[in-house]
Amino acid sequence: MIHELKEIINQTLINQQKGLKNVLATVVFLDGSSYRKPGVRMLISEDLNTVGAVSGGCVEKEIIHRARSVFTDDQSKIITYDGRYKLGCEGILYILIEPFFISSKFLDTFSKANANSESLKIESHFTKEDEAFGDFGSVVTFENKEQFVFSKTFIYQQKDDVTIFTQILQPSFKLIIIGGEHDAVKLCKIASNLGWEIHVITSVKDSKQVSDFPGANSVVGDSPEAIQFTNIEENTAIVIMNHSYVQDLKYVVKLSEYRPRYIGVLGAPSKRERLFNALFEFAPDISEDFLETIYTPAGLHIGAQTPEEIALSIVAEILAVTRKKEPFSLRKINGKIHN
């Protein structure tokens, strides 16, 4: 959910430039079940515009209404929202509402942490009460041990009478798309909606621009012989969609030097055995573990036909693989969806 925090920070900076105060609402505890889990956040500006959400859209109006006092007195508060009577959900949300300010030093540290694909820790201090005002707030700790508080009025210190909700935000999931055709554009667009960091590699002979791929962080023209991948050992998926067996093979051979979480290769099922046989010829030391990361044809079998549908099936497979889930219909679940 680091991408949600990025959106909140970006909008906060815009609001601060306009002279508007900001308030951050965070779900810090859940008694029962709900649409979203603790750690989700919503930004509310002084003109009552919002960014983000803490539910499917039904709790937000109440939060905006009850956040007005924080704009007035800069005092953090904890509120509850009982979804059992209002939403049909089976839980009570505990929501921390605190003043939110982004300093230039925090922004610099946050930007560097993102550039280096570092995680960060957020600890939110609160009490489990229906409604309470007090010295509540959140502190962010980066890997370099620097710490910042969201609210300038929050005095960060250990107290015996408060509960602390701790959340580790991992760096953005990275998707590398190798290919520059129409279907690669569709995959880029759909994946960007998930907040993934997307890098596109096109052919040197037919290089494209970032403007050709909505949502991409970078677009470069390169070749499997010359390219050097960086930081793809963890938290990275690669989808190869060159529409060229020879180019696909060259890229997979190159990737055998690395260990991404997922490698998807577009193509027909008949291409799979041919590809694997060639891999043993060109990379005889290839490991079984590496072969397990290759999914070809890429995507889940959901009847996808159009480029958009195929992109959706690939993104769904990446999620299933990286989160270690075997896909099936949720109608088969009787208990909780998430443990």
Protein backbone atom coordinates (compact mmCIF):
# COMPACT_ATOMS: atom_id res chain seq x y z
CA MET A 1 0.00 0.00 0.00
CA ILE A 2 2.99 2.29 -0.37
CA HIS A 3 1.42 3.71 -3.54
CA GLU A 4 -1.59 4.90 -1.53
CA LEU A 5 0.71 6.76 0.86
CA LYS A 6 2.51 8.30 -2.13
CA GLU A 7 -0.79 9.64 -3.48
CA ILE A 8 -1.66 11.07 -0.07
CA ILE A 9 1.74 12.75 0.27
CA ASN A 10 1.56 14.24 -3.24
CA GLN A 11 -1.89 15.71 -2.60
CA THR A 12 -0.81 16.98 0.81
CA LEU A 13 2.00 18.97 -0.78
CA ILE A 14 -0.46 20.50 -3.24
CA ASN A 15 -2.83 21.39 -0.41
CA GLN A 16 -0.04 22.90 1.68
CA GLN A 17 0.98 25.11 -1.23
CA LYS A 18 -2.61 26.36 -1.30
CA GLY A 19 -2.48 27.12 2.41
CA LEU A 20 -4.89 24.33 3.33
CA LYS A 21 -4.62 22.24 6.50
CA ASN A 22 -4.71 18.45 6.17
CA VAL A 23 -5.97 15.63 8.34
CA LEU A 24 -5.09 11.94 8.01
CA ALA A 25 -7.57 9.19 8.92
CA THR A 26 -6.10 5.72 9.52
CA VAL A 27 -7.84 2.48 10.43
CA VAL A 28 -5.71 1.31 13.36
CA PHE A 29 -7.79 -1.55 14.73
CA LEU A 30 -10.60 -3.83 13.59
CA ASP A 31 -12.89 -5.79 15.86
CA GLY A 32 -14.48 -8.34 13.54
CA SER A 33 -14.38 -8.12 9.74
CA SER A 34 -14.57 -5.28 7.25
CA TYR A 35 -14.13 -4.42 3.58
CA ARG A 36 -10.56 -3.19 4.20
CA LYS A 37 -8.07 -3.93 6.94
CA PRO A 38 -6.08 -1.82 9.44
CA GLY A 39 -3.45 0.33 7.79
CA VAL A 40 -5.67 1.92 5.14
CA ARG A 41 -5.66 5.72 5.06
CA MET A 42 -7.60 8.69 3.78
CA LEU A 43 -6.48 12.31 3.48
CA ILE A 44 -8.96 15.08 4.18
CA SER A 45 -8.11 18.68 3.30
CA GLU A 46 -9.53 21.78 4.93
CA ASP A 47 -11.87 22.31 1.98
CA LEU A 48 -13.17 18.76 2.70
CA ASN A 49 -11.80 17.18 -0.46
CA THR A 50 -10.33 13.70 0.01
CA VAL A 51 -7.75 11.29 -1.37
CA GLY A 52 -7.81 7.58 -0.60
CA ALA A 53 -10.45 5.53 1.20
CA VAL A 54 -10.79 3.38 4.30
CA SER A 55 -13.74 1.33 3.07
CA GLY A 56 -15.76 0.68 -0.06
CA GLY A 57 -17.04 4.25 0.15
CA CYS A 58 -19.62 4.03 2.92
CA VAL A 59 -17.60 5.19 5.94
CA GLU A 60 -15.92 8.20 4.40
CA LYS A 61 -18.72 10.75 4.85
CA GLU A 62 -18.88 10.03 8.58
CA ILE A 63 -15.11 10.44 8.91
CA ILE A 64 -15.16 13.77 7.07
CA HIS A 65 -17.89 15.02 9.39
CA ARG A 66 -16.07 13.93 12.54
CA ALA A 67 -12.71 15.26 11.34
CA ARG A 68 -13.90 18.89 11.43
CA SER A 69 -12.86 19.35 15.06
CA VAL A 70 -9.27 18.36 14.23
CA PHE A 71 -9.03 21.22 11.75
CA THR A 72 -10.30 23.57 14.44
CA ASP A 73 -8.16 22.63 17.44
CA ASP A 74 -5.33 20.50 15.90
CA GLN A 75 -6.10 17.79 18.47
CA SER A 76 -5.97 14.16 17.35
CA LYS A 77 -8.88 11.87 18.13
CA ILE A 78 -9.89 8.24 17.91
CA ILE A 79 -13.36 7.34 16.68
CA THR A 80 -15.21 4.10 16.01
CA TYR A 81 -17.55 3.09 13.24
CA ASP A 82 -19.81 0.12 13.88
CA GLY A 83 -20.42 -1.56 10.55
CA ARG A 84 -22.67 -4.23 12.04
CA TYR A 85 -25.64 -1.88 12.03
CA LYS A 86 -24.80 0.42 9.12
CA LEU A 87 -23.01 -1.70 6.53
CA GLY A 88 -23.95 -5.30 7.09
CA CYS A 89 -20.26 -5.97 7.84
CA GLU A 90 -19.33 -7.83 11.00
CA GLY A 91 -16.84 -5.41 12.46
CA ILE A 92 -16.09 -2.21 14.35
CA LEU A 93 -13.48 0.11 12.85
CA TYR A 94 -11.21 2.14 15.15
CA ILE A 95 -10.02 5.18 13.20
CA LEU A 96 -7.26 7.57 14.20
CA ILE A 97 -7.76 11.12 12.91
CA GLU A 98 -4.68 13.32 13.23
CA PRO A 99 -3.28 16.57 11.77
CA PHE A 100 -1.01 15.79 8.83
CA PHE A 101 1.95 17.90 7.69
CA ILE A 102 4.76 17.09 5.25
CA SER A 103 8.09 18.80 5.92
CA SER A 104 10.76 19.20 3.26
CA LYS A 105 13.11 16.97 5.27
CA PHE A 106 10.51 14.19 5.48
CA LEU A 107 9.82 14.48 1.74
CA ASP A 108 13.54 14.21 0.94
CA THR A 109 13.95 11.12 3.14
CA PHE A 110 10.79 9.51 1.78
CA SER A 111 11.87 10.15 -1.83
CA LYS A 112 15.31 8.63 -1.25
CA ALA A 113 13.81 5.57 0.45
CA ASN A 114 11.50 5.01 -2.52
CA ALA A 115 14.33 5.44 -5.02
CA ASN A 116 16.35 2.82 -3.13
CA SER A 117 13.35 0.44 -2.84
CA GLU A 118 13.47 0.57 0.96
CA SER A 119 10.66 -0.31 3.36
CA LEU A 120 9.42 1.93 6.15
CA LYS A 121 7.62 1.46 9.46
CA ILE A 122 4.61 3.43 10.68
CA GLU A 123 3.55 3.21 14.34
CA SER A 124 0.21 4.76 15.23
CA HIS A 125 -0.49 5.49 18.93
CA PHE A 126 -4.13 5.42 20.08
CA THR A 127 -6.56 4.11 22.67
CA LYS A 128 -9.36 1.62 22.08
CA GLU A 129 -12.27 3.89 22.96
CA ASP A 130 -15.48 4.83 21.18
CA GLU A 131 -14.33 8.45 20.95
CA ALA A 132 -11.35 9.99 22.66
CA PHE A 133 -9.15 13.07 22.28
CA GLY A 134 -5.53 13.04 23.31
CA ASP A 135 -1.87 12.90 22.44
CA PHE A 136 -2.39 10.37 19.67
CA GLY A 137 -0.48 10.20 16.40
CA SER A 138 1.82 8.33 14.04
CA VAL A 139 5.58 8.13 13.73
CA VAL A 140 7.46 6.96 10.63
CA THR A 141 10.81 5.17 10.90
CA PHE A 142 12.99 4.70 7.81
CA GLU A 143 15.71 2.12 7.28
CA ASN A 144 18.36 4.77 7.98
CA LYS A 145 16.74 5.14 11.46
CA GLU A 146 15.42 8.67 10.78
CA GLN A 147 12.04 9.27 12.40
CA PHE A 148 9.24 11.74 11.66
CA VAL A 149 5.81 12.39 13.15
CA PHE A 150 2.79 13.16 10.96
CA SER A 151 1.38 15.73 13.38
CA LYS A 152 3.44 18.63 14.71
CA THR A 153 1.38 18.48 17.92
CA PHE A 154 2.10 14.79 18.61
CA ILE A 155 4.74 14.19 21.29
CA TYR A 156 6.29 10.84 20.44
CA GLN A 157 7.13 8.85 23.54
CA GLN A 158 6.35 5.44 24.94
CA LYS A 159 3.25 5.43 27.13
CA ASP A 160 1.65 2.59 29.09
CA ASP A 161 -1.92 3.70 28.46
CA VAL A 162 -1.88 3.62 24.64
CA THR A 163 -2.09 0.91 22.01
CA ILE A 164 0.36 0.94 19.10
CA PHE A 165 -0.60 -0.25 15.63
CA THR A 166 2.56 -1.13 13.67
CA GLN A 167 2.65 -1.39 9.90
CA ILE A 168 5.59 -2.18 7.62
CA LEU A 169 5.17 -0.72 4.15
CA GLN A 170 7.19 -2.60 1.55
CA PRO A 171 8.57 -0.82 -1.54
CA SER A 172 6.41 -0.70 -4.63
CA PHE A 173 6.03 -3.95 -6.52
CA LYS A 174 8.02 -3.75 -9.75
CA LEU A 175 6.81 -4.94 -13.15
CA ILE A 176 9.15 -5.08 -16.14
CA ILE A 177 7.42 -5.39 -19.49
CA ILE A 178 9.60 -6.51 -22.39
CA GLY A 179 7.82 -5.58 -25.59
CA GLY A 180 6.45 -2.49 -27.25
CA GLU A 181 3.30 -3.51 -29.04
CA HIS A 182 -0.37 -2.78 -28.38
CA ASP A 183 -0.80 -5.58 -25.81
CA ALA A 184 2.18 -4.30 -23.81
CA VAL A 185 0.51 -0.89 -23.59
CA LYS A 186 -2.68 -2.49 -22.24
CA LEU A 187 -0.74 -4.48 -19.63
CA CYS A 188 1.08 -1.34 -18.54
CA LYS A 189 -2.16 0.59 -18.16
CA ILE A 190 -3.92 -2.08 -16.08
CA ALA A 191 -0.90 -2.75 -13.85
CA SER A 192 -0.44 0.96 -13.16
CA ASN A 193 -3.87 1.03 -11.51
CA LEU A 194 -2.42 -1.24 -8.81
CA GLY A 195 0.29 1.30 -8.02
CA TRP A 196 3.08 -0.90 -9.38
CA GLU A 197 6.38 0.57 -10.51
CA ILE A 198 6.49 -0.22 -14.23
CA HIS A 199 9.50 -0.25 -16.54
CA VAL A 200 9.11 -1.02 -20.23
CA ILE A 201 11.85 -2.36 -22.49
CA THR A 202 11.24 -2.07 -26.21
CA SER A 203 13.38 -2.97 -29.22
CA VAL A 204 16.32 -0.71 -30.02
CA LYS A 205 15.10 -0.63 -33.62
CA ASP A 206 11.64 0.51 -32.57
CA SER A 207 12.15 2.41 -29.31
CA LYS A 208 9.18 4.18 -27.73
CA GLN A 209 8.59 7.05 -25.30
CA VAL A 210 7.07 7.15 -21.81
CA SER A 211 4.10 8.95 -23.35
CA ASP A 212 3.37 5.79 -25.38
CA PHE A 213 2.81 3.76 -22.18
CA PRO A 214 0.32 5.33 -19.73
CA GLY A 215 1.43 4.63 -16.16
CA ALA A 216 5.02 3.63 -16.98
CA ASN A 217 7.90 4.94 -14.86
CA SER A 218 10.42 4.46 -17.65
CA VAL A 219 10.63 3.26 -21.25
CA VAL A 220 13.93 2.33 -22.88
CA GLY A 221 15.05 0.70 -26.10
CA ASP A 222 17.45 -2.15 -25.47
CA SER A 223 18.49 -5.67 -26.49
CA PRO A 224 18.89 -8.94 -24.56
CA GLU A 225 22.61 -8.93 -25.38
CA ALA A 226 23.27 -5.48 -23.91
CA ILE A 227 20.75 -5.04 -21.12
CA GLN A 228 21.76 -5.19 -17.47
CA PHE A 229 18.96 -5.67 -14.96
CA THR A 230 19.22 -4.15 -11.48
CA ASN A 231 17.26 -4.74 -8.27
CA ILE A 232 15.05 -7.54 -9.61
CA GLU A 233 15.95 -10.27 -7.14
CA GLU A 234 12.89 -9.55 -4.97
CA ASN A 235 9.45 -8.04 -5.40
CA THR A 236 9.67 -8.09 -9.21
CA ALA A 237 7.70 -9.66 -12.04
CA ILE A 238 8.76 -9.72 -15.68
CA VAL A 239 6.46 -10.24 -18.63
CA ILE A 240 8.03 -10.98 -22.01
CA MET A 241 5.78 -10.16 -24.95
CA ASN A 242 8.00 -9.56 -27.98
CA HIS A 243 5.97 -11.77 -30.36
CA SER A 244 9.33 -13.22 -31.38
CA TYR A 245 10.42 -16.66 -30.18
CA VAL A 246 14.10 -15.88 -30.74
CA GLN A 247 13.96 -12.61 -28.78
CA ASP A 248 11.93 -14.24 -26.02
CA LEU A 249 14.50 -17.03 -25.70
CA LYS A 250 17.40 -14.57 -25.54
CA TYR A 251 15.73 -12.60 -22.74
CA VAL A 252 14.93 -15.72 -20.72
CA VAL A 253 18.55 -16.90 -21.05
CA LYS A 254 19.68 -13.48 -19.85
CA LEU A 255 17.28 -13.61 -16.93
CA SER A 256 18.64 -17.00 -15.82
CA GLU A 257 21.38 -14.96 -14.13
CA TYR A 258 18.76 -13.37 -11.85
CA ARG A 259 15.91 -14.47 -9.59
CA PRO A 260 12.74 -12.43 -10.17
CA ARG A 261 9.52 -13.63 -8.49
CA TYR A 262 7.71 -14.24 -11.77
CA ILE A 263 8.59 -14.49 -15.45
CA GLY A 264 5.64 -14.61 -17.82
CA VAL A 265 6.15 -15.37 -21.50
CA LEU A 266 3.37 -14.72 -23.99
CA GLY A 267 2.69 -17.43 -26.54
CA ALA A 268 0.93 -20.69 -27.35
CA PRO A 269 1.21 -23.78 -25.09
CA SER A 270 3.13 -25.57 -27.84
CA LYS A 271 5.90 -22.99 -27.47
CA ARG A 272 6.62 -23.96 -23.85
CA GLU A 273 8.41 -27.28 -24.42
CA ARG A 274 10.43 -25.80 -27.27
CA LEU A 275 11.49 -22.90 -25.04
CA PHE A 276 12.50 -25.13 -22.14
CA ASN A 277 14.51 -27.47 -24.38
CA ALA A 278 16.37 -24.51 -25.84
CA LEU A 279 17.08 -23.14 -22.38
CA PHE A 280 18.95 -26.33 -21.40
CA GLU A 281 21.00 -25.99 -24.59
CA PHE A 282 21.95 -22.32 -24.17
CA ALA A 283 22.10 -22.29 -20.36
CA PRO A 284 23.05 -25.84 -19.29
CA ASP A 285 23.52 -24.83 -15.66
CA ILE A 286 19.96 -23.51 -15.35
CA SER A 287 18.29 -24.51 -12.10
CA GLU A 288 14.91 -26.07 -11.40
CA ASP A 289 14.13 -23.14 -9.10
CA PHE A 290 14.55 -20.74 -12.00
CA LEU A 291 12.34 -22.83 -14.27
CA GLU A 292 9.62 -22.72 -11.59
CA THR A 293 9.49 -18.93 -11.97
CA ILE A 294 8.58 -19.18 -15.68
CA TYR A 295 4.88 -19.10 -16.58
CA THR A 296 4.11 -19.66 -20.23
CA PRO A 297 1.62 -19.05 -21.64
CA ALA A 298 1.40 -16.15 -19.20
CA GLY A 299 -1.92 -15.55 -17.43
CA LEU A 300 -4.78 -17.37 -15.73
CA HIS A 301 -7.26 -19.38 -17.78
CA ILE A 302 -10.29 -17.06 -17.49
CA GLY A 303 -11.36 -17.08 -21.13
CA ALA A 304 -9.42 -13.90 -21.97
CA GLN A 305 -9.54 -12.91 -25.64
CA THR A 306 -8.93 -9.18 -26.05
CA PRO A 307 -5.60 -7.49 -25.18
CA GLU A 308 -7.26 -5.91 -22.14
CA GLU A 309 -8.59 -9.26 -20.93
CA ILE A 310 -5.24 -10.97 -21.49
CA ALA A 311 -3.53 -8.19 -19.52
CA LEU A 312 -6.02 -8.72 -16.70
CA SER A 313 -5.35 -12.47 -16.65
CA ILE A 314 -1.58 -11.85 -16.46
CA VAL A 315 -1.89 -9.34 -13.62
CA ALA A 316 -4.16 -11.76 -11.73
CA GLU A 317 -1.62 -14.57 -12.15
CA ILE A 318 1.21 -12.36 -10.88
CA LEU A 319 -0.82 -11.53 -7.77
CA ALA A 320 -1.64 -15.20 -7.18
CA VAL A 321 1.99 -16.27 -7.59
CA THR A 322 3.55 -13.54 -5.46
CA ARG A 323 0.97 -14.03 -2.70
CA LYS A 324 1.15 -17.81 -2.92
CA LYS A 325 -2.52 -18.41 -3.67
CA GLU A 326 -4.24 -21.01 -5.83
CA PRO A 327 -7.01 -19.09 -7.65
CA PHE A 328 -10.62 -20.17 -7.18
CA SER A 329 -14.01 -18.52 -6.81
CA LEU A 330 -14.64 -16.77 -3.48
CA ARG A 331 -18.11 -18.34 -3.43
CA LYS A 332 -16.41 -21.50 -2.19
CA ILE A 333 -15.32 -19.79 1.03
CA ASN A 334 -17.56 -20.02 4.08
CA GLY A 335 -15.33 -18.33 6.64
CA LYS A 336 -13.04 -15.31 6.43
CA ILE A 337 -11.46 -14.36 3.09
CA HIS A 338 -8.22 -13.22 4.77
CA ASN A 339 -6.66 -14.88 7.77
